[in-house]
Structures are given as structure tokens and as C-alpha cells.
Amino acid sequence: MFCMGCQKDLSQCTCPDLEERLDNTVLKGSFAYRRCKKCKKHYARCKCKNPEWEIRDQPKDTGN
């Protein structure tokens, strides 16, 4: 995956707002990605020794 901000692969991305931009895309309902529960980063940027993966996708409707 490629960052449109810094023009680098996500594993090399230097943008401080990358996760925020990814989350905004998720909220629009057109994107999902794997991220680490521990560091809250996209899997390509995670440096955790024992990462815990989750799928970051559109929030579930709670009916409220």
C-alpha cells in the first residue's frame, strides 16, 4: 500500500497523521485494514515484538 502524503510505501511512511487518515477512510465505509491492537498502527508500520492483529473496519451500528 502506498501513502499519498509522503509518496512512500506504508512500511516507510513518515506521515504523523497516517492512522487518522486511514480511520477516516474506514468511516466512509469503503476501506478496511489490519492493524495492531497494541500500537494502533497499520500492520506494515507495526514494530511490536508480539503484535495482536485486528481488522479495522466500519463501526458497528449499535442501534442508538
Protein backbone atom coordinates (compact mmCIF):
# COMPACT_ATOMS: atom_id res chain seq x y z
CA MET A 1 0.00 0.00 0.00
CA PHE A 2 1.19 3.47 -0.88
CA CYS A 3 0.89 6.73 1.11
CA MET A 4 -0.38 9.66 -0.93
CA GLY A 5 1.09 12.09 1.61
CA CYS A 6 4.78 11.22 1.61
CA GLN A 7 4.74 9.10 -1.58
CA LYS A 8 6.22 6.05 0.16
CA ASP A 9 5.13 2.51 0.90
CA LEU A 10 3.24 2.41 4.23
CA SER A 11 6.07 0.48 5.85
CA GLN A 12 8.29 3.51 5.13
CA CYS A 13 5.67 6.24 5.65
CA THR A 14 6.77 9.23 7.74
CA CYS A 15 3.39 11.00 8.00
CA PRO A 16 2.31 11.61 11.61
CA ASP A 17 -1.38 11.55 10.62
CA LEU A 18 -1.43 8.28 8.66
CA GLU A 19 -3.61 6.34 11.13
CA GLU A 20 -6.06 9.26 11.29
CA ARG A 21 -6.32 9.33 7.51
CA LEU A 22 -6.79 5.55 7.36
CA ASP A 23 -9.51 5.72 10.01
CA ASN A 24 -11.32 8.49 8.13
CA THR A 25 -11.36 6.27 5.05
CA VAL A 26 -12.71 3.38 7.13
CA LEU A 27 -15.53 5.56 8.48
CA LYS A 28 -16.63 6.31 4.92
CA GLY A 29 -17.31 2.58 4.57
CA SER A 30 -15.01 1.93 1.64
CA PHE A 31 -11.93 0.51 3.33
CA ALA A 32 -10.78 -1.99 5.96
CA TYR A 33 -7.28 -2.79 7.11
CA ARG A 34 -5.31 -4.95 9.53
CA ARG A 35 -3.81 -3.12 12.46
CA CYS A 36 -2.13 -3.91 15.74
CA LYS A 37 -4.27 -3.59 18.87
CA LYS A 38 -1.21 -2.72 20.94
CA CYS A 39 0.31 0.19 18.98
CA LYS A 40 -2.83 1.06 16.92
CA LYS A 41 -0.81 1.16 13.69
CA HIS A 42 -1.34 -0.34 10.24
CA TYR A 43 0.33 -3.76 10.11
CA ALA A 44 3.02 -2.51 7.72
CA ARG A 45 4.09 0.11 10.29
CA CYS A 46 3.82 -2.06 13.44
CA LYS A 47 7.12 -2.77 15.17
CA CYS A 48 5.68 -4.70 18.15
CA LYS A 49 7.52 -7.89 19.09
CA ASN A 50 4.25 -9.81 19.57
CA PRO A 51 1.54 -7.86 17.74
CA GLU A 52 -2.16 -8.51 18.31
CA TRP A 53 -3.95 -8.11 14.98
CA GLU A 54 -7.46 -6.85 14.42
CA ILE A 55 -9.42 -5.74 11.39
CA ARG A 56 -10.20 -2.04 11.48
CA ASP A 57 -13.43 -1.56 9.58
CA GLN A 58 -16.62 0.42 9.65
CA PRO A 59 -18.01 0.77 13.19
CA LYS A 60 -20.90 -1.50 14.07
CA ASP A 61 -24.33 0.09 14.32
CA THR A 62 -25.36 -0.10 17.99
CA GLY A 63 -28.96 0.88 17.28
CA ASN A 64 -28.76 4.12 19.29
